[in-house]
Amino acid sequence: MSNILLIVLDATARAEISRLADSDATMAVSDAVDSLAAARTALARRLPDLIVADVRLPDGPLVNLLDELRPRRSHVLALTPSLRDPHLMHTLRHGADGYALSGHVGPDLLLRMQRMLAGESSMDARVAQLLTMQLRTGAHPLLEPELKLLHAIGAGASMAEVARSAQMTPQQIGLTLRAIYRKLHLDLRPRPAASGPD
């Protein structure tokens, strides 16, 4: 049985995601909280297999918790209101394993949770395109196979198509995507603004 920690501000969404997880006999929600402070208390009791969390909470961004969790780690699925939310990219670079849109609680979210627990990961074509655009700004740490993977996903290929084309298992694709996110954390962290004349 896989234990899940929910860190979701909206009480209705929290209840819906909890019901969704409970519909799978292999999952159990161990805690459902609405803040990073409450999540820290829950994590002191038990390290879950999967954390499903909003990218932004009233007491801070999810990245604060991700930084505290290293090196002991759970899989992390970040919930974002929009794929263009800058907090999403920041969260992925700080160690989240994947993401889902927060307004879409249903079969797709359950599938993402199941895949993440199986060691897979996912990336939307729009996110791959955003990352590819950011990489054009200069040197980056990605290897050629990782770049090809980003380009294929950005072109709209499904994860199954990408896995077949690259002759990789879904788990290997997941590991590669997580490696991409972490490498980009090292290279694409927000730079401090240059100070100019006042």
N, C-alpha and C. Protein backbone atom coordinates (compact mmCIF):
# COMPACT_ATOMS: atom_id res chain seq x y z
N MET A 1 0.85 -1.19 0.00
CA MET A 1 0.00 0.00 0.00
C MET A 1 0.89 1.24 0.00
N SER A 2 0.63 2.15 -0.94
CA SER A 2 1.40 3.39 -1.03
C SER A 2 0.72 4.50 -0.24
N ASN A 3 1.48 5.14 0.64
CA ASN A 3 0.95 6.24 1.46
C ASN A 3 1.12 7.57 0.74
N ILE A 4 0.08 8.39 0.81
CA ILE A 4 0.07 9.67 0.10
C ILE A 4 -0.18 10.80 1.09
N LEU A 5 0.60 11.86 0.96
CA LEU A 5 0.39 13.10 1.71
C LEU A 5 -0.16 14.14 0.75
N LEU A 6 -1.32 14.69 1.06
CA LEU A 6 -1.91 15.77 0.27
C LEU A 6 -1.62 17.10 0.96
N ILE A 7 -1.10 18.06 0.19
CA ILE A 7 -0.88 19.42 0.71
C ILE A 7 -1.60 20.35 -0.26
N VAL A 8 -2.88 20.53 -0.01
CA VAL A 8 -3.75 21.25 -0.95
C VAL A 8 -4.57 22.26 -0.16
N LEU A 9 -4.51 23.52 -0.58
CA LEU A 9 -5.19 24.59 0.15
C LEU A 9 -6.70 24.46 0.11
N ASP A 10 -7.27 24.23 -1.06
CA ASP A 10 -8.72 24.20 -1.21
C ASP A 10 -9.30 22.92 -0.60
N ALA A 11 -10.21 23.08 0.37
CA ALA A 11 -10.77 21.93 1.09
C ALA A 11 -11.55 21.00 0.18
N THR A 12 -12.28 21.56 -0.78
CA THR A 12 -13.06 20.73 -1.70
C THR A 12 -12.13 19.90 -2.58
N ALA A 13 -11.10 20.54 -3.13
CA ALA A 13 -10.13 19.81 -3.96
C ALA A 13 -9.42 18.74 -3.15
N ARG A 14 -9.08 19.07 -1.90
CA ARG A 14 -8.40 18.11 -1.03
C ARG A 14 -9.27 16.87 -0.83
N ALA A 15 -10.56 17.09 -0.58
CA ALA A 15 -11.48 15.97 -0.37
C ALA A 15 -11.65 15.15 -1.65
N GLU A 16 -11.72 15.83 -2.80
CA GLU A 16 -11.88 15.13 -4.08
C GLU A 16 -10.65 14.28 -4.41
N ILE A 17 -9.47 14.83 -4.18
CA ILE A 17 -8.24 14.07 -4.46
C ILE A 17 -8.13 12.89 -3.50
N SER A 18 -8.53 13.10 -2.25
CA SER A 18 -8.51 12.02 -1.27
C SER A 18 -9.44 10.88 -1.69
N ARG A 19 -10.65 11.23 -2.15
CA ARG A 19 -11.59 10.21 -2.64
C ARG A 19 -11.02 9.49 -3.87
N LEU A 20 -10.39 10.26 -4.74
CA LEU A 20 -9.79 9.68 -5.95
C LEU A 20 -8.72 8.66 -5.58
N ALA A 21 -7.85 9.02 -4.65
CA ALA A 21 -6.79 8.10 -4.22
C ALA A 21 -7.39 6.86 -3.56
N ASP A 22 -8.43 7.07 -2.74
CA ASP A 22 -9.06 5.95 -2.05
C ASP A 22 -9.76 4.98 -3.00
N SER A 23 -10.04 5.45 -4.23
CA SER A 23 -10.69 4.57 -5.21
C SER A 23 -9.71 3.54 -5.77
N ASP A 24 -8.42 3.72 -5.51
CA ASP A 24 -7.39 2.78 -5.94
C ASP A 24 -6.97 1.97 -4.71
N ALA A 25 -7.13 0.66 -4.78
CA ALA A 25 -6.86 -0.19 -3.62
C ALA A 25 -5.39 -0.20 -3.22
N THR A 26 -4.51 0.32 -4.08
CA THR A 26 -3.08 0.31 -3.76
C THR A 26 -2.61 1.60 -3.09
N MET A 27 -3.54 2.57 -2.91
CA MET A 27 -3.18 3.86 -2.33
C MET A 27 -3.99 4.14 -1.07
N ALA A 28 -3.37 4.89 -0.16
CA ALA A 28 -4.07 5.36 1.04
C ALA A 28 -3.54 6.75 1.39
N VAL A 29 -4.45 7.69 1.61
CA VAL A 29 -4.05 9.04 2.02
C VAL A 29 -3.76 8.99 3.52
N SER A 30 -2.49 9.21 3.87
CA SER A 30 -2.11 9.16 5.29
C SER A 30 -2.40 10.49 5.99
N ASP A 31 -2.26 11.60 5.25
CA ASP A 31 -2.55 12.93 5.80
C ASP A 31 -3.02 13.83 4.67
N ALA A 32 -3.94 14.74 4.99
CA ALA A 32 -4.41 15.74 4.03
C ALA A 32 -4.40 17.08 4.76
N VAL A 33 -3.50 17.98 4.35
CA VAL A 33 -3.30 19.24 5.06
C VAL A 33 -3.37 20.41 4.09
N ASP A 34 -3.38 21.65 4.66
CA ASP A 34 -3.56 22.83 3.81
C ASP A 34 -2.42 23.84 3.93
N SER A 35 -1.28 23.43 4.50
CA SER A 35 -0.16 24.37 4.66
C SER A 35 1.15 23.61 4.76
N LEU A 36 2.25 24.32 4.54
CA LEU A 36 3.57 23.71 4.69
C LEU A 36 3.83 23.36 6.15
N ALA A 37 3.36 24.20 7.07
CA ALA A 37 3.58 23.92 8.50
C ALA A 37 2.92 22.60 8.89
N ALA A 38 1.68 22.40 8.45
CA ALA A 38 0.99 21.15 8.76
C ALA A 38 1.66 19.97 8.06
N ALA A 39 2.19 20.21 6.86
CA ALA A 39 2.89 19.15 6.13
C ALA A 39 4.15 18.73 6.88
N ARG A 40 4.86 19.69 7.44
CA ARG A 40 6.08 19.36 8.21
C ARG A 40 5.74 18.48 9.41
N THR A 41 4.63 18.77 10.07
CA THR A 41 4.19 17.95 11.20
C THR A 41 3.89 16.53 10.73
N ALA A 42 3.18 16.41 9.61
CA ALA A 42 2.84 15.10 9.06
C ALA A 42 4.11 14.34 8.65
N LEU A 43 5.07 15.05 8.05
CA LEU A 43 6.31 14.41 7.60
C LEU A 43 7.18 13.97 8.77
N ALA A 44 7.04 14.63 9.91
CA ALA A 44 7.80 14.21 11.10
C ALA A 44 7.31 12.85 11.60
N ARG A 45 6.02 12.54 11.34
CA ARG A 45 5.45 11.26 11.74
C ARG A 45 5.77 10.15 10.75
N ARG A 46 5.72 10.49 9.45
CA ARG A 46 5.86 9.46 8.43
C ARG A 46 6.28 10.09 7.10
N LEU A 47 7.23 9.44 6.42
CA LEU A 47 7.61 9.87 5.08
C LEU A 47 6.74 9.11 4.08
N PRO A 48 5.87 9.80 3.34
CA PRO A 48 4.97 9.11 2.43
C PRO A 48 5.69 8.65 1.16
N ASP A 49 5.02 7.80 0.41
CA ASP A 49 5.56 7.37 -0.89
C ASP A 49 5.36 8.46 -1.94
N LEU A 50 4.27 9.21 -1.79
CA LEU A 50 3.94 10.26 -2.77
C LEU A 50 3.38 11.48 -2.05
N ILE A 51 3.86 12.65 -2.45
CA ILE A 51 3.31 13.92 -1.98
C ILE A 51 2.62 14.57 -3.16
N VAL A 52 1.36 14.92 -2.99
CA VAL A 52 0.60 15.66 -4.01
C VAL A 52 0.34 17.03 -3.40
N ALA A 53 0.90 18.08 -4.02
CA ALA A 53 0.87 19.39 -3.35
C ALA A 53 0.72 20.55 -4.32
N ASP A 54 0.03 21.59 -3.85
CA ASP A 54 -0.04 22.85 -4.59
C ASP A 54 1.36 23.45 -4.68
N VAL A 55 1.65 24.12 -5.80
CA VAL A 55 2.98 24.75 -5.93
C VAL A 55 3.12 25.96 -5.02
N ARG A 56 1.97 26.58 -4.65
CA ARG A 56 1.99 27.74 -3.75
C ARG A 56 0.99 27.51 -2.63
N LEU A 57 1.42 27.78 -1.42
CA LEU A 57 0.55 27.64 -0.25
C LEU A 57 0.63 28.93 0.56
N PRO A 58 -0.31 29.14 1.49
CA PRO A 58 -0.33 30.42 2.23
C PRO A 58 0.97 30.73 2.96
N ASP A 59 1.67 29.69 3.43
CA ASP A 59 2.89 29.95 4.19
C ASP A 59 4.17 29.71 3.37
N GLY A 60 4.04 29.73 2.05
CA GLY A 60 5.24 29.66 1.21
C GLY A 60 5.09 28.75 0.01
N PRO A 61 6.09 28.80 -0.87
CA PRO A 61 6.07 27.94 -2.05
C PRO A 61 6.49 26.51 -1.70
N LEU A 62 6.03 25.56 -2.50
CA LEU A 62 6.36 24.15 -2.28
C LEU A 62 7.87 23.90 -2.31
N VAL A 63 8.61 24.72 -3.07
CA VAL A 63 10.07 24.50 -3.15
C VAL A 63 10.73 24.56 -1.78
N ASN A 64 10.19 25.34 -0.85
CA ASN A 64 10.77 25.40 0.50
C ASN A 64 10.77 24.02 1.14
N LEU A 65 9.66 23.31 0.98
CA LEU A 65 9.55 21.97 1.56
C LEU A 65 10.45 20.98 0.81
N LEU A 66 10.51 21.11 -0.51
CA LEU A 66 11.35 20.20 -1.30
C LEU A 66 12.81 20.32 -0.89
N ASP A 67 13.26 21.55 -0.67
CA ASP A 67 14.65 21.75 -0.25
C ASP A 67 14.91 21.12 1.11
N GLU A 68 13.92 21.17 2.00
CA GLU A 68 14.08 20.57 3.33
C GLU A 68 14.08 19.05 3.28
N LEU A 69 13.41 18.47 2.29
CA LEU A 69 13.28 17.02 2.22
C LEU A 69 14.55 16.31 1.76
N ARG A 70 15.44 17.01 1.08
CA ARG A 70 16.66 16.34 0.62
C ARG A 70 17.49 15.88 1.81
N PRO A 71 18.18 14.73 1.75
CA PRO A 71 18.18 13.75 0.67
C PRO A 71 17.07 12.72 0.79
N ARG A 72 16.39 12.64 1.93
CA ARG A 72 15.30 11.66 2.03
C ARG A 72 14.15 12.17 1.19
N ARG A 73 13.62 11.34 0.37
CA ARG A 73 12.68 11.84 -0.63
C ARG A 73 11.48 10.93 -0.84
N SER A 74 10.37 11.57 -1.09
CA SER A 74 9.17 10.92 -1.59
C SER A 74 9.03 11.36 -3.04
N HIS A 75 8.22 10.66 -3.81
CA HIS A 75 7.85 11.18 -5.13
C HIS A 75 6.99 12.42 -4.88
N VAL A 76 7.10 13.42 -5.74
CA VAL A 76 6.34 14.66 -5.56
C VAL A 76 5.61 15.01 -6.85
N LEU A 77 4.29 15.15 -6.76
CA LEU A 77 3.44 15.58 -7.87
C LEU A 77 2.94 16.98 -7.53
N ALA A 78 3.39 17.97 -8.31
CA ALA A 78 3.02 19.37 -8.06
C ALA A 78 1.72 19.71 -8.77
N LEU A 79 0.83 20.38 -8.06
CA LEU A 79 -0.44 20.84 -8.64
C LEU A 79 -0.32 22.32 -8.97
N THR A 80 -0.63 22.67 -10.19
CA THR A 80 -0.49 24.06 -10.64
C THR A 80 -1.77 24.53 -11.32
N PRO A 81 -2.13 25.81 -11.13
CA PRO A 81 -3.33 26.31 -11.81
C PRO A 81 -3.11 26.51 -13.30
N SER A 82 -1.84 26.62 -13.72
CA SER A 82 -1.53 26.87 -15.13
C SER A 82 -0.14 26.34 -15.46
N LEU A 83 0.02 25.81 -16.66
CA LEU A 83 1.34 25.33 -17.07
C LEU A 83 2.32 26.48 -17.28
N ARG A 84 1.80 27.70 -17.35
CA ARG A 84 2.68 28.87 -17.50
C ARG A 84 3.03 29.51 -16.15
N ASP A 85 2.56 28.93 -15.07
CA ASP A 85 2.86 29.46 -13.73
C ASP A 85 4.37 29.34 -13.48
N PRO A 86 5.08 30.45 -13.24
CA PRO A 86 6.53 30.37 -13.01
C PRO A 86 6.89 29.50 -11.81
N HIS A 87 5.96 29.37 -10.86
CA HIS A 87 6.22 28.52 -9.70
C HIS A 87 6.35 27.05 -10.11
N LEU A 88 5.68 26.65 -11.20
CA LEU A 88 5.76 25.26 -11.64
C LEU A 88 7.18 24.92 -12.07
N MET A 89 7.75 25.72 -12.95
CA MET A 89 9.12 25.44 -13.42
C MET A 89 10.10 25.44 -12.25
N HIS A 90 9.93 26.39 -11.35
CA HIS A 90 10.80 26.48 -10.18
C HIS A 90 10.67 25.21 -9.33
N THR A 91 9.44 24.73 -9.16
CA THR A 91 9.18 23.53 -8.37
C THR A 91 9.80 22.30 -9.02
N LEU A 92 9.67 22.19 -10.34
CA LEU A 92 10.26 21.05 -11.05
C LEU A 92 11.79 21.07 -10.93
N ARG A 93 12.36 22.25 -11.03
CA ARG A 93 13.82 22.35 -10.92
C ARG A 93 14.31 22.02 -9.52
N HIS A 94 13.45 22.18 -8.53
CA HIS A 94 13.85 21.89 -7.14
C HIS A 94 13.52 20.46 -6.72
N GLY A 95 13.10 19.63 -7.66
CA GLY A 95 12.97 18.22 -7.33
C GLY A 95 11.61 17.58 -7.46
N ALA A 96 10.55 18.33 -7.82
CA ALA A 96 9.26 17.68 -8.06
C ALA A 96 9.42 16.73 -9.24
N ASP A 97 8.73 15.60 -9.18
CA ASP A 97 8.88 14.58 -10.21
C ASP A 97 7.92 14.75 -11.37
N GLY A 98 6.88 15.53 -11.18
CA GLY A 98 5.88 15.73 -12.22
C GLY A 98 4.86 16.73 -11.75
N TYR A 99 3.82 16.91 -12.54
CA TYR A 99 2.84 17.95 -12.26
C TYR A 99 1.49 17.56 -12.84
N ALA A 100 0.46 18.26 -12.38
CA ALA A 100 -0.89 18.12 -12.92
C ALA A 100 -1.59 19.46 -12.72
N LEU A 101 -2.60 19.71 -13.53
CA LEU A 101 -3.37 20.94 -13.37
C LEU A 101 -4.30 20.80 -12.18
N SER A 102 -4.29 21.78 -11.30
CA SER A 102 -5.05 21.68 -10.04
C SER A 102 -6.55 21.70 -10.25
N GLY A 103 -7.04 22.26 -11.34
CA GLY A 103 -8.48 22.31 -11.56
C GLY A 103 -9.07 21.07 -12.19
N HIS A 104 -8.24 20.04 -12.40
CA HIS A 104 -8.70 18.84 -13.10
C HIS A 104 -8.52 17.60 -12.23
N VAL A 105 -9.43 17.42 -11.28
CA VAL A 105 -9.39 16.24 -10.42
C VAL A 105 -10.23 15.17 -11.10
N GLY A 106 -9.59 14.10 -11.53
CA GLY A 106 -10.31 13.05 -12.24
C GLY A 106 -9.36 11.94 -12.66
N PRO A 107 -9.78 11.16 -13.66
CA PRO A 107 -8.98 9.99 -14.07
C PRO A 107 -7.54 10.33 -14.46
N ASP A 108 -7.32 11.49 -15.10
CA ASP A 108 -5.95 11.84 -15.51
C ASP A 108 -5.05 12.04 -14.29
N LEU A 109 -5.58 12.69 -13.26
CA LEU A 109 -4.78 12.89 -12.04
C LEU A 109 -4.46 11.55 -11.38
N LEU A 110 -5.45 10.66 -11.31
CA LEU A 110 -5.22 9.34 -10.72
C LEU A 110 -4.15 8.59 -11.51
N LEU A 111 -4.22 8.67 -12.84
CA LEU A 111 -3.23 8.00 -13.68
C LEU A 111 -1.84 8.56 -13.44
N ARG A 112 -1.74 9.88 -13.30
CA ARG A 112 -0.43 10.49 -13.01
C ARG A 112 0.11 10.02 -11.66
N MET A 113 -0.77 9.91 -10.67
CA MET A 113 -0.35 9.43 -9.36
C MET A 113 0.14 7.98 -9.45
N GLN A 114 -0.62 7.15 -10.16
CA GLN A 114 -0.24 5.74 -10.32
C GLN A 114 1.10 5.61 -11.03
N ARG A 115 1.26 6.40 -12.10
CA ARG A 115 2.51 6.33 -12.87
C ARG A 115 3.70 6.80 -12.04
N MET A 116 3.48 7.84 -11.25
CA MET A 116 4.57 8.35 -10.43
C MET A 116 5.00 7.31 -9.40
N LEU A 117 4.04 6.63 -8.79
CA LEU A 117 4.36 5.59 -7.82
C LEU A 117 5.06 4.41 -8.48
N ALA A 118 4.83 4.23 -9.79
CA ALA A 118 5.50 3.15 -10.53
C ALA A 118 6.88 3.58 -11.03
N GLY A 119 7.29 4.82 -10.71
CA GLY A 119 8.61 5.29 -11.10
C GLY A 119 8.64 6.04 -12.41
N GLU A 120 7.47 6.29 -12.99
CA GLU A 120 7.41 7.03 -14.25
C GLU A 120 7.25 8.52 -13.95
N SER A 121 7.32 9.33 -14.99
CA SER A 121 7.10 10.76 -14.86
C SER A 121 6.42 11.22 -16.13
N SER A 122 5.99 12.47 -16.15
CA SER A 122 5.31 12.96 -17.34
C SER A 122 5.73 14.39 -17.60
N MET A 123 5.55 14.79 -18.85
CA MET A 123 5.81 16.17 -19.23
C MET A 123 4.84 16.53 -20.34
N ASP A 124 4.23 17.67 -20.23
CA ASP A 124 3.30 18.17 -21.23
C ASP A 124 4.09 18.82 -22.36
N ALA A 125 3.55 18.78 -23.58
CA ALA A 125 4.22 19.39 -24.74
C ALA A 125 4.52 20.86 -24.48
N ARG A 126 3.58 21.57 -23.83
CA ARG A 126 3.79 23.01 -23.57
C ARG A 126 4.95 23.25 -22.61
N VAL A 127 5.09 22.39 -21.62
CA VAL A 127 6.21 22.54 -20.68
C VAL A 127 7.53 22.24 -21.40
N ALA A 128 7.54 21.20 -22.24
CA ALA A 128 8.75 20.89 -23.01
C ALA A 128 9.13 22.05 -23.91
N GLN A 129 8.13 22.69 -24.52
CA GLN A 129 8.40 23.85 -25.39
C GLN A 129 8.98 25.01 -24.58
N LEU A 130 8.42 25.25 -23.38
CA LEU A 130 8.93 26.33 -22.53
C LEU A 130 10.38 26.07 -22.13
N LEU A 131 10.68 24.82 -21.76
CA LEU A 131 12.05 24.49 -21.38
C LEU A 131 12.99 24.65 -22.57
N THR A 132 12.55 24.20 -23.75
CA THR A 132 13.38 24.32 -24.95
C THR A 132 13.66 25.78 -25.26
N MET A 133 12.66 26.65 -25.10
CA MET A 133 12.86 28.08 -25.34
C MET A 133 13.88 28.65 -24.36
N GLN A 134 13.80 28.23 -23.10
CA GLN A 134 14.75 28.72 -22.10
C GLN A 134 16.18 28.26 -22.42
N LEU A 135 16.30 27.06 -23.00
CA LEU A 135 17.63 26.53 -23.30
C LEU A 135 18.31 27.29 -24.43
N ARG A 136 17.52 27.96 -25.25
CA ARG A 136 18.09 28.70 -26.38
C ARG A 136 18.86 29.94 -25.92
N THR A 137 18.71 30.31 -24.65
CA THR A 137 19.33 31.55 -24.16
C THR A 137 20.82 31.39 -23.88
N GLY A 138 21.35 30.17 -23.94
CA GLY A 138 22.78 30.03 -23.69
C GLY A 138 23.17 28.59 -23.42
N ALA A 139 24.34 28.42 -22.82
CA ALA A 139 24.86 27.09 -22.52
C ALA A 139 23.95 26.38 -21.52
N HIS A 140 23.89 25.07 -21.62
CA HIS A 140 23.06 24.29 -20.71
C HIS A 140 23.74 22.95 -20.44
N PRO A 141 23.33 22.25 -19.38
CA PRO A 141 24.00 21.01 -18.99
C PRO A 141 23.40 19.75 -19.60
N LEU A 142 22.45 19.86 -20.53
CA LEU A 142 21.76 18.68 -21.03
C LEU A 142 22.58 17.92 -22.07
N LEU A 143 22.45 16.60 -22.03
CA LEU A 143 23.09 15.74 -23.01
C LEU A 143 22.21 15.65 -24.25
N GLU A 144 22.79 15.22 -25.36
CA GLU A 144 22.05 15.13 -26.63
C GLU A 144 20.78 14.27 -26.52
N PRO A 145 20.83 13.07 -25.87
CA PRO A 145 19.60 12.27 -25.75
C PRO A 145 18.51 13.00 -24.95
N GLU A 146 18.92 13.78 -23.95
CA GLU A 146 17.94 14.53 -23.15
C GLU A 146 17.30 15.63 -23.99
N LEU A 147 18.11 16.29 -24.82
CA LEU A 147 17.57 17.32 -25.72
C LEU A 147 16.59 16.72 -26.72
N LYS A 148 16.94 15.55 -27.27
CA LYS A 148 16.05 14.88 -28.23
C LYS A 148 14.72 14.54 -27.57
N LEU A 149 14.79 14.10 -26.33
CA LEU A 149 13.58 13.77 -25.58
C LEU A 149 12.70 15.01 -25.42
N LEU A 150 13.30 16.13 -25.03
CA LEU A 150 12.55 17.38 -24.89
C LEU A 150 11.91 17.80 -26.20
N HIS A 151 12.67 17.72 -27.30
CA HIS A 151 12.15 18.13 -28.60
C HIS A 151 10.99 17.23 -29.04
N ALA A 152 11.11 15.91 -28.80
CA ALA A 152 10.05 14.98 -29.19
C ALA A 152 8.77 15.27 -28.42
N ILE A 153 8.90 15.51 -27.11
CA ILE A 153 7.72 15.81 -26.30
C ILE A 153 7.13 17.15 -26.72
N GLY A 154 8.00 18.13 -26.96
CA GLY A 154 7.54 19.45 -27.40
C GLY A 154 6.82 19.40 -28.73
N ALA A 155 7.17 18.43 -29.57
CA ALA A 155 6.52 18.27 -30.88
C ALA A 155 5.19 17.55 -30.76
N GLY A 156 4.84 17.11 -29.55
CA GLY A 156 3.53 16.49 -29.34
C GLY A 156 3.53 14.99 -29.24
N ALA A 157 4.71 14.35 -29.23
CA ALA A 157 4.76 12.89 -29.10
C ALA A 157 4.27 12.47 -27.72
N SER A 158 3.55 11.37 -27.67
CA SER A 158 3.09 10.84 -26.38
C SER A 158 4.26 10.18 -25.66
N MET A 159 4.11 9.95 -24.36
CA MET A 159 5.17 9.29 -23.60
C MET A 159 5.45 7.90 -24.17
N ALA A 160 4.41 7.19 -24.60
CA ALA A 160 4.60 5.86 -25.18
C ALA A 160 5.40 5.95 -26.48
N GLU A 161 5.09 6.95 -27.30
CA GLU A 161 5.83 7.15 -28.56
C GLU A 161 7.28 7.51 -28.28
N VAL A 162 7.49 8.39 -27.31
CA VAL A 162 8.85 8.79 -26.95
C VAL A 162 9.64 7.58 -26.45
N ALA A 163 9.02 6.76 -25.61
CA ALA A 163 9.70 5.58 -25.07
C ALA A 163 10.07 4.60 -26.19
N ARG A 164 9.13 4.37 -27.12
CA ARG A 164 9.43 3.47 -28.24
C ARG A 164 10.57 4.01 -29.10
N SER A 165 10.48 5.29 -29.44
CA SER A 165 11.48 5.92 -30.31
C SER A 165 12.87 5.89 -29.67
N ALA A 166 12.92 6.15 -28.38
CA ALA A 166 14.21 6.18 -27.67
C ALA A 166 14.66 4.80 -27.20
N GLN A 167 13.80 3.79 -27.40
CA GLN A 167 14.06 2.43 -26.94
C GLN A 167 14.34 2.42 -25.44
N MET A 168 13.42 3.07 -24.71
CA MET A 168 13.52 3.16 -23.26
C MET A 168 12.21 2.68 -22.64
N THR A 169 12.28 2.25 -21.39
CA THR A 169 11.06 1.90 -20.67
C THR A 169 10.43 3.18 -20.12
N PRO A 170 9.14 3.14 -19.76
CA PRO A 170 8.54 4.33 -19.14
C PRO A 170 9.29 4.77 -17.88
N GLN A 171 9.83 3.81 -17.13
CA GLN A 171 10.59 4.17 -15.93
C GLN A 171 11.88 4.90 -16.29
N GLN A 172 12.54 4.48 -17.38
CA GLN A 172 13.75 5.16 -17.82
C GLN A 172 13.44 6.58 -18.32
N ILE A 173 12.29 6.72 -19.00
CA ILE A 173 11.85 8.06 -19.43
C ILE A 173 11.65 8.93 -18.19
N GLY A 174 10.99 8.36 -17.17
CA GLY A 174 10.75 9.11 -15.93
C GLY A 174 12.05 9.55 -15.27
N LEU A 175 13.02 8.66 -15.21
CA LEU A 175 14.32 9.02 -14.63
C LEU A 175 15.00 10.11 -15.44
N THR A 176 14.88 10.03 -16.77
CA THR A 176 15.50 11.04 -17.63
C THR A 176 14.84 12.39 -17.43
N LEU A 177 13.50 12.42 -17.34
CA LEU A 177 12.80 13.69 -17.13
C LEU A 177 13.19 14.30 -15.79
N ARG A 178 13.27 13.47 -14.76
CA ARG A 178 13.67 14.00 -13.45
C ARG A 178 15.11 14.53 -13.51
N ALA A 179 15.97 13.84 -14.26
CA ALA A 179 17.35 14.33 -14.41
C ALA A 179 17.37 15.68 -15.13
N ILE A 180 16.51 15.83 -16.15
CA ILE A 180 16.42 17.11 -16.87
C ILE A 180 16.00 18.22 -15.91
N TYR A 181 14.93 17.97 -15.14
CA TYR A 181 14.46 18.99 -14.20
C TYR A 181 15.57 19.39 -13.23
N ARG A 182 16.29 18.40 -12.71
CA ARG A 182 17.32 18.70 -11.71
C ARG A 182 18.53 19.40 -12.33
N LYS A 183 18.90 18.99 -13.54
CA LYS A 183 20.02 19.67 -14.21
C LYS A 183 19.67 21.13 -14.49
N LEU A 184 18.43 21.36 -14.88
CA LEU A 184 18.04 22.73 -15.19
C LEU A 184 17.94 23.56 -13.92
N HIS A 185 17.71 22.93 -12.79
CA HIS A 185 17.74 23.65 -11.50
C HIS A 185 19.13 24.26 -11.30
N LEU A 186 20.15 23.51 -11.68
CA LEU A 186 21.51 24.02 -11.50
C LEU A 186 21.82 25.17 -12.45
N ASP A 187 21.24 25.12 -13.65
CA ASP A 187 21.65 26.06 -14.69
C ASP A 187 20.68 27.21 -14.92
N LEU A 188 19.41 27.01 -14.59
CA LEU A 188 18.40 28.00 -14.95
C LEU A 188 17.72 28.64 -13.75
N ARG A 189 18.37 28.62 -12.61
CA ARG A 189 17.78 29.30 -11.45
C ARG A 189 17.61 30.77 -11.76
N PRO A 190 16.57 31.41 -11.22
CA PRO A 190 16.39 32.84 -11.50
C PRO A 190 17.63 33.63 -11.12
N ARG A 191 18.09 34.45 -12.02
CA ARG A 191 19.26 35.28 -11.77
C ARG A 191 18.82 36.57 -11.07
N PRO A 192 19.64 37.11 -10.14
CA PRO A 192 19.29 38.39 -9.54
C PRO A 192 19.30 39.47 -10.61
N ALA A 193 18.36 40.40 -10.50
CA ALA A 193 18.29 41.49 -11.48
C ALA A 193 19.52 42.37 -11.34
N ALA A 194 20.03 42.80 -12.48
CA ALA A 194 21.19 43.70 -12.46
C ALA A 194 20.76 45.04 -11.89
N SER A 195 21.56 45.55 -10.97
CA SER A 195 21.19 46.84 -10.38
C SER A 195 21.62 47.95 -11.32
N GLY A 196 20.74 48.88 -11.55
CA GLY A 196 21.03 50.00 -12.44
C GLY A 196 20.91 51.30 -11.68
N PRO A 197 21.13 52.40 -12.36
CA PRO A 197 21.01 53.69 -11.68
C PRO A 197 19.58 53.95 -11.25
N ASP A 198 19.41 54.54 -10.10
CA ASP A 198 18.06 54.85 -9.58
C ASP A 198 17.53 56.12 -10.19
